[in-house]
Amino acid sequence: MFKPVHIVYAARLALLLGSVTVAVLTLGPFQGAESHFGLTDKEAHALAFGGLLAVSFLAFPRMRRNDLAIAALVLGAAIEVAQSFTGRDGNVADWLADAFGIVVVHGASLIEGARKLARDKGQLTFGQIVKLDRRRQQRRDVTALEPQLTGALSFAERASRRFPARQSGALIR
């Protein structure tokens, strides 16, 4: 049976193969190979890193897109530094071309988030949406070693004190 997790596995394999291909083409003796495809050096950098970022969005669906974009930028910078040690020309202009491809793909992914927000909460203001966001709610300060209460408490009693019931009106069993 075909499941979404199979797409994730295929994307991870494609990301691995794509990363190895980009590393070999950028660090090996293949300078000017992009001209065989009718691309300039900067276009090839933008396409390569934008493509790697797009595939990484599929390969790691639980990771934040910002973190994946930052990782792609760091990878681009690392390759430019490594090029200076392999006899090739590592320069900032190539890294900026990498960044352009990354920004284009990341921007397109943010559009989908804005579309979902418009579908689900289109009538609310941004301030109301932020208040509804569970990730931004205040958390209770937790100390590593809380003082022991007198008398032995069961695990359920300790857990109910540490994690109080939600106030959302949900049915608690």
C-alpha atoms as a PDB file:
ATOM      1  CA  MET A   1       0.000   0.000   0.000  1.00  0.00           C
ATOM      2  CA  PHE A   2       1.383   3.391  -0.986  1.00  0.00           C
ATOM      3  CA  LYS A   3       1.543   5.847   1.920  1.00  0.00           C
ATOM      4  CA  PRO A   4       2.744   9.436   2.376  1.00  0.00           C
ATOM      5  CA  VAL A   5       5.751   8.146   4.297  1.00  0.00           C
ATOM      6  CA  HIS A   6       6.933   6.525   1.053  1.00  0.00           C
ATOM      7  CA  ILE A   7       7.076   9.985  -0.531  1.00  0.00           C
ATOM      8  CA  VAL A   8       9.236  11.107   2.392  1.00  0.00           C
ATOM      9  CA  TYR A   9      11.607   8.162   1.881  1.00  0.00           C
ATOM     10  CA  ALA A  10      11.820   8.837  -1.857  1.00  0.00           C
ATOM     11  CA  ALA A  11      12.473  12.534  -1.191  1.00  0.00           C
ATOM     12  CA  ARG A  12      15.252  11.657   1.256  1.00  0.00           C
ATOM     13  CA  LEU A  13      16.877   9.434  -1.339  1.00  0.00           C
ATOM     14  CA  ALA A  14      16.513  12.161  -3.978  1.00  0.00           C
ATOM     15  CA  LEU A  15      17.980  14.711  -1.539  1.00  0.00           C
ATOM     16  CA  LEU A  16      20.959  12.469  -0.864  1.00  0.00           C
ATOM     17  CA  LEU A  17      21.589  11.897  -4.579  1.00  0.00           C
ATOM     18  CA  GLY A  18      21.051  15.588  -5.363  1.00  0.00           C
ATOM     19  CA  SER A  19      23.407  16.712  -2.594  1.00  0.00           C
ATOM     20  CA  VAL A  20      26.121  14.348  -3.768  1.00  0.00           C
ATOM     21  CA  THR A  21      25.618  15.527  -7.348  1.00  0.00           C
ATOM     22  CA  VAL A  22      25.833  19.198  -6.350  1.00  0.00           C
ATOM     23  CA  ALA A  23      28.932  18.525  -4.239  1.00  0.00           C
ATOM     24  CA  VAL A  24      30.675  16.658  -7.064  1.00  0.00           C
ATOM     25  CA  LEU A  25      29.768  19.261  -9.685  1.00  0.00           C
ATOM     26  CA  THR A  26      30.769  22.227  -7.521  1.00  0.00           C
ATOM     27  CA  LEU A  27      33.949  20.764  -6.044  1.00  0.00           C
ATOM     28  CA  GLY A  28      35.151  18.612  -8.939  1.00  0.00           C
ATOM     29  CA  PRO A  29      36.895  19.609 -12.154  1.00  0.00           C
ATOM     30  CA  PHE A  30      33.614  20.340 -13.942  1.00  0.00           C
ATOM     31  CA  GLN A  31      33.824  24.117 -14.182  1.00  0.00           C
ATOM     32  CA  GLY A  32      31.637  25.304 -17.044  1.00  0.00           C
ATOM     33  CA  ALA A  33      29.530  22.108 -17.229  1.00  0.00           C
ATOM     34  CA  GLU A  34      26.351  24.158 -16.787  1.00  0.00           C
ATOM     35  CA  SER A  35      26.884  25.705 -20.233  1.00  0.00           C
ATOM     36  CA  HIS A  36      26.004  22.314 -21.791  1.00  0.00           C
ATOM     37  CA  PHE A  37      22.479  22.867 -20.472  1.00  0.00           C
ATOM     38  CA  GLY A  38      22.297  26.481 -21.609  1.00  0.00           C
ATOM     39  CA  LEU A  39      22.700  27.896 -18.102  1.00  0.00           C
ATOM     40  CA  THR A  40      25.037  30.468 -16.686  1.00  0.00           C
ATOM     41  CA  ASP A  41      27.008  29.722 -13.529  1.00  0.00           C
ATOM     42  CA  LYS A  42      24.668  31.813 -11.363  1.00  0.00           C
ATOM     43  CA  GLU A  43      21.519  30.245 -12.841  1.00  0.00           C
ATOM     44  CA  ALA A  44      22.913  26.780 -12.146  1.00  0.00           C
ATOM     45  CA  HIS A  45      23.658  27.724  -8.521  1.00  0.00           C
ATOM     46  CA  ALA A  46      20.153  29.140  -8.005  1.00  0.00           C
ATOM     47  CA  LEU A  47      18.472  26.101  -9.578  1.00  0.00           C
ATOM     48  CA  ALA A  48      20.607  23.606  -7.684  1.00  0.00           C
ATOM     49  CA  PHE A  49      20.091  25.097  -4.235  1.00  0.00           C
ATOM     50  CA  GLY A  50      16.453  25.978  -4.828  1.00  0.00           C
ATOM     51  CA  GLY A  51      15.871  22.394  -5.948  1.00  0.00           C
ATOM     52  CA  LEU A  52      17.686  20.971  -2.938  1.00  0.00           C
ATOM     53  CA  LEU A  53      15.576  23.107  -0.618  1.00  0.00           C
ATOM     54  CA  ALA A  54      12.325  22.082  -2.315  1.00  0.00           C
ATOM     55  CA  VAL A  55      13.225  18.408  -1.980  1.00  0.00           C
ATOM     56  CA  SER A  56      14.287  18.922   1.638  1.00  0.00           C
ATOM     57  CA  PHE A  57      10.806  20.302   2.406  1.00  0.00           C
ATOM     58  CA  LEU A  58       9.414  16.934   1.305  1.00  0.00           C
ATOM     59  CA  ALA A  59      12.199  14.906   2.899  1.00  0.00           C
ATOM     60  CA  PHE A  60      11.802  16.454   6.359  1.00  0.00           C
ATOM     61  CA  PRO A  61       8.122  17.403   6.781  1.00  0.00           C
ATOM     62  CA  ARG A  62       8.391  17.864  10.564  1.00  0.00           C
ATOM     63  CA  MET A  63      11.262  20.329  10.418  1.00  0.00           C
ATOM     64  CA  ARG A  64      10.598  24.035  10.182  1.00  0.00           C
ATOM     65  CA  ARG A  65      11.059  25.518   6.734  1.00  0.00           C
ATOM     66  CA  ASN A  66      13.168  28.363   8.135  1.00  0.00           C
ATOM     67  CA  ASP A  67      15.617  25.866   9.629  1.00  0.00           C
ATOM     68  CA  LEU A  68      15.890  23.982   6.348  1.00  0.00           C
ATOM     69  CA  ALA A  69      16.474  27.245   4.453  1.00  0.00           C
ATOM     70  CA  ILE A  70      19.221  28.245   6.894  1.00  0.00           C
ATOM     71  CA  ALA A  71      20.826  24.813   6.520  1.00  0.00           C
ATOM     72  CA  ALA A  72      20.798  25.232   2.727  1.00  0.00           C
ATOM     73  CA  LEU A  73      22.423  28.665   3.058  1.00  0.00           C
ATOM     74  CA  VAL A  74      25.117  27.225   5.328  1.00  0.00           C
ATOM     75  CA  LEU A  75      25.688  24.362   2.868  1.00  0.00           C
ATOM     76  CA  GLY A  76      26.109  26.895   0.043  1.00  0.00           C
ATOM     77  CA  ALA A  77      28.612  28.897   2.083  1.00  0.00           C
ATOM     78  CA  ALA A  78      30.504  25.730   3.035  1.00  0.00           C
ATOM     79  CA  ILE A  79      30.755  24.698  -0.608  1.00  0.00           C
ATOM     80  CA  GLU A  80      32.093  28.142  -1.562  1.00  0.00           C
ATOM     81  CA  VAL A  81      34.739  27.889   1.165  1.00  0.00           C
ATOM     82  CA  ALA A  82      35.602  24.315   0.104  1.00  0.00           C
ATOM     83  CA  GLN A  83      35.973  25.463  -3.512  1.00  0.00           C
ATOM     84  CA  SER A  84      38.795  27.770  -2.516  1.00  0.00           C
ATOM     85  CA  PHE A  85      40.705  24.724  -1.198  1.00  0.00           C
ATOM     86  CA  THR A  86      40.135  22.615  -4.335  1.00  0.00           C
ATOM     87  CA  GLY A  87      41.631  25.077  -6.791  1.00  0.00           C
ATOM     88  CA  ARG A  88      38.309  26.527  -7.918  1.00  0.00           C
ATOM     89  CA  ASP A  89      37.033  30.023  -7.400  1.00  0.00           C
ATOM     90  CA  GLY A  90      34.778  30.237  -4.358  1.00  0.00           C
ATOM     91  CA  ASN A  91      33.140  33.661  -4.289  1.00  0.00           C
ATOM     92  CA  VAL A  92      30.321  35.562  -2.646  1.00  0.00           C
ATOM     93  CA  ALA A  93      28.461  36.056  -5.938  1.00  0.00           C
ATOM     94  CA  ASP A  94      27.956  32.290  -6.248  1.00  0.00           C
ATOM     95  CA  TRP A  95      26.671  32.143  -2.672  1.00  0.00           C
ATOM     96  CA  LEU A  96      24.270  35.008  -3.420  1.00  0.00           C
ATOM     97  CA  ALA A  97      23.008  33.009  -6.404  1.00  0.00           C
ATOM     98  CA  ASP A  98      22.484  30.046  -4.046  1.00  0.00           C
ATOM     99  CA  ALA A  99      20.623  32.364  -1.672  1.00  0.00           C
ATOM    100  CA  PHE A 100      18.421  33.653  -4.505  1.00  0.00           C
ATOM    101  CA  GLY A 101      17.286  30.127  -5.378  1.00  0.00           C
ATOM    102  CA  ILE A 102      16.672  29.388  -1.705  1.00  0.00           C
ATOM    103  CA  VAL A 103      14.651  32.587  -1.203  1.00  0.00           C
ATOM    104  CA  VAL A 104      12.483  31.880  -4.257  1.00  0.00           C
ATOM    105  CA  VAL A 105      11.597  28.361  -3.074  1.00  0.00           C
ATOM    106  CA  HIS A 106      11.160  29.427   0.558  1.00  0.00           C
ATOM    107  CA  GLY A 107       8.940  32.326  -0.504  1.00  0.00           C
ATOM    108  CA  ALA A 108       6.771  29.994  -2.558  1.00  0.00           C
ATOM    109  CA  SER A 109       6.379  27.710   0.450  1.00  0.00           C
ATOM    110  CA  LEU A 110       5.291  30.647   2.616  1.00  0.00           C
ATOM    111  CA  ILE A 111       2.555  31.454   0.113  1.00  0.00           C
ATOM    112  CA  GLU A 112       0.941  28.099   0.878  1.00  0.00           C
ATOM    113  CA  GLY A 113       0.957  28.936   4.598  1.00  0.00           C
ATOM    114  CA  ALA A 114      -0.749  32.253   3.862  1.00  0.00           C
ATOM    115  CA  ARG A 115      -3.358  30.476   1.722  1.00  0.00           C
ATOM    116  CA  LYS A 116      -4.133  28.048   4.565  1.00  0.00           C
ATOM    117  CA  LEU A 117      -4.433  30.948   6.996  1.00  0.00           C
ATOM    118  CA  ALA A 118      -6.854  32.702   4.630  1.00  0.00           C
ATOM    119  CA  ARG A 119      -8.931  29.519   4.251  1.00  0.00           C
ATOM    120  CA  ASP A 120      -9.094  28.616   7.936  1.00  0.00           C
ATOM    121  CA  LYS A 121      -9.099  32.004   9.678  1.00  0.00           C
ATOM    122  CA  GLY A 122      -9.846  34.522   6.956  1.00  0.00           C
ATOM    123  CA  GLN A 123     -12.322  36.578   9.016  1.00  0.00           C
ATOM    124  CA  LEU A 124      -9.990  37.087  12.002  1.00  0.00           C
ATOM    125  CA  THR A 125      -7.399  39.811  12.503  1.00  0.00           C
ATOM    126  CA  PHE A 126      -3.737  38.847  12.831  1.00  0.00           C
ATOM    127  CA  GLY A 127      -3.870  39.744  16.522  1.00  0.00           C
ATOM    128  CA  GLN A 128      -6.740  37.288  17.066  1.00  0.00           C
ATOM    129  CA  ILE A 129      -4.908  34.587  15.136  1.00  0.00           C
ATOM    130  CA  VAL A 130      -1.809  35.033  17.310  1.00  0.00           C
ATOM    131  CA  LYS A 131      -3.940  34.708  20.466  1.00  0.00           C
ATOM    132  CA  LEU A 132      -5.382  31.429  19.151  1.00  0.00           C
ATOM    133  CA  ASP A 133      -1.957  29.998  18.349  1.00  0.00           C
ATOM    134  CA  ARG A 134      -1.247  27.235  20.878  1.00  0.00           C
ATOM    135  CA  ARG A 135       2.502  27.501  20.275  1.00  0.00           C
ATOM    136  CA  ARG A 136       2.553  31.052  21.664  1.00  0.00           C
ATOM    137  CA  GLN A 137       0.655  30.421  24.898  1.00  0.00           C
ATOM    138  CA  GLN A 138       2.416  31.087  28.164  1.00  0.00           C
ATOM    139  CA  ARG A 139       3.980  28.033  29.685  1.00  0.00           C
ATOM    140  CA  ARG A 140       4.255  27.254  33.335  1.00  0.00           C
ATOM    141  CA  ASP A 141       7.789  27.492  34.732  1.00  0.00           C
ATOM    142  CA  VAL A 142       9.037  24.007  35.474  1.00  0.00           C
ATOM    143  CA  THR A 143      11.761  23.365  37.979  1.00  0.00           C
ATOM    144  CA  ALA A 144      13.931  20.311  37.724  1.00  0.00           C
ATOM    145  CA  LEU A 145      13.412  19.220  41.312  1.00  0.00           C
ATOM    146  CA  GLU A 146      10.085  20.315  42.698  1.00  0.00           C
ATOM    147  CA  PRO A 147       9.716  19.993  46.472  1.00  0.00           C
ATOM    148  CA  GLN A 148       8.023  16.821  47.571  1.00  0.00           C
ATOM    149  CA  LEU A 149       4.615  17.249  49.139  1.00  0.00           C
ATOM    150  CA  THR A 150       3.879  15.577  52.432  1.00  0.00           C
ATOM    151  CA  GLY A 151       2.209  12.237  51.945  1.00  0.00           C
ATOM    152  CA  ALA A 152       2.683   9.882  49.042  1.00  0.00           C
ATOM    153  CA  LEU A 153       0.863  10.874  45.872  1.00  0.00           C
ATOM    154  CA  SER A 154       0.020   8.491  43.105  1.00  0.00           C
ATOM    155  CA  PHE A 155       1.435   8.981  39.632  1.00  0.00           C
ATOM    156  CA  ALA A 156      -1.953  10.206  38.367  1.00  0.00           C
ATOM    157  CA  GLU A 157      -2.199  12.809  41.137  1.00  0.00           C
ATOM    158  CA  ARG A 158       1.313  14.104  40.444  1.00  0.00           C
ATOM    159  CA  ALA A 159       0.601  14.220  36.720  1.00  0.00           C
ATOM    160  CA  SER A 160      -2.676  16.093  37.189  1.00  0.00           C
ATOM    161  CA  ARG A 161      -0.878  18.724  39.265  1.00  0.00           C
ATOM    162  CA  ARG A 162       1.926  19.096  36.762  1.00  0.00           C
ATOM    163  CA  PHE A 163      -0.300  19.049  33.657  1.00  0.00           C
ATOM    164  CA  PRO A 164      -3.660  20.631  34.506  1.00  0.00           C
ATOM    165  CA  ALA A 165      -6.700  19.848  32.354  1.00  0.00           C
ATOM    166  CA  ARG A 166      -7.288  22.032  29.298  1.00  0.00           C
ATOM    167  CA  GLN A 167      -9.879  24.760  29.549  1.00  0.00           C
ATOM    168  CA  SER A 168     -11.019  24.404  25.933  1.00  0.00           C
ATOM    169  CA  GLY A 169     -14.183  22.521  26.833  1.00  0.00           C
ATOM    170  CA  ALA A 170     -12.847  19.282  25.408  1.00  0.00           C
ATOM    171  CA  LEU A 171     -14.291  16.113  26.863  1.00  0.00           C
ATOM    172  CA  ILE A 172     -11.800  14.603  29.298  1.00  0.00           C
ATOM    173  CA  ARG A 173     -12.027  10.903  30.067  1.00  0.00           C
END
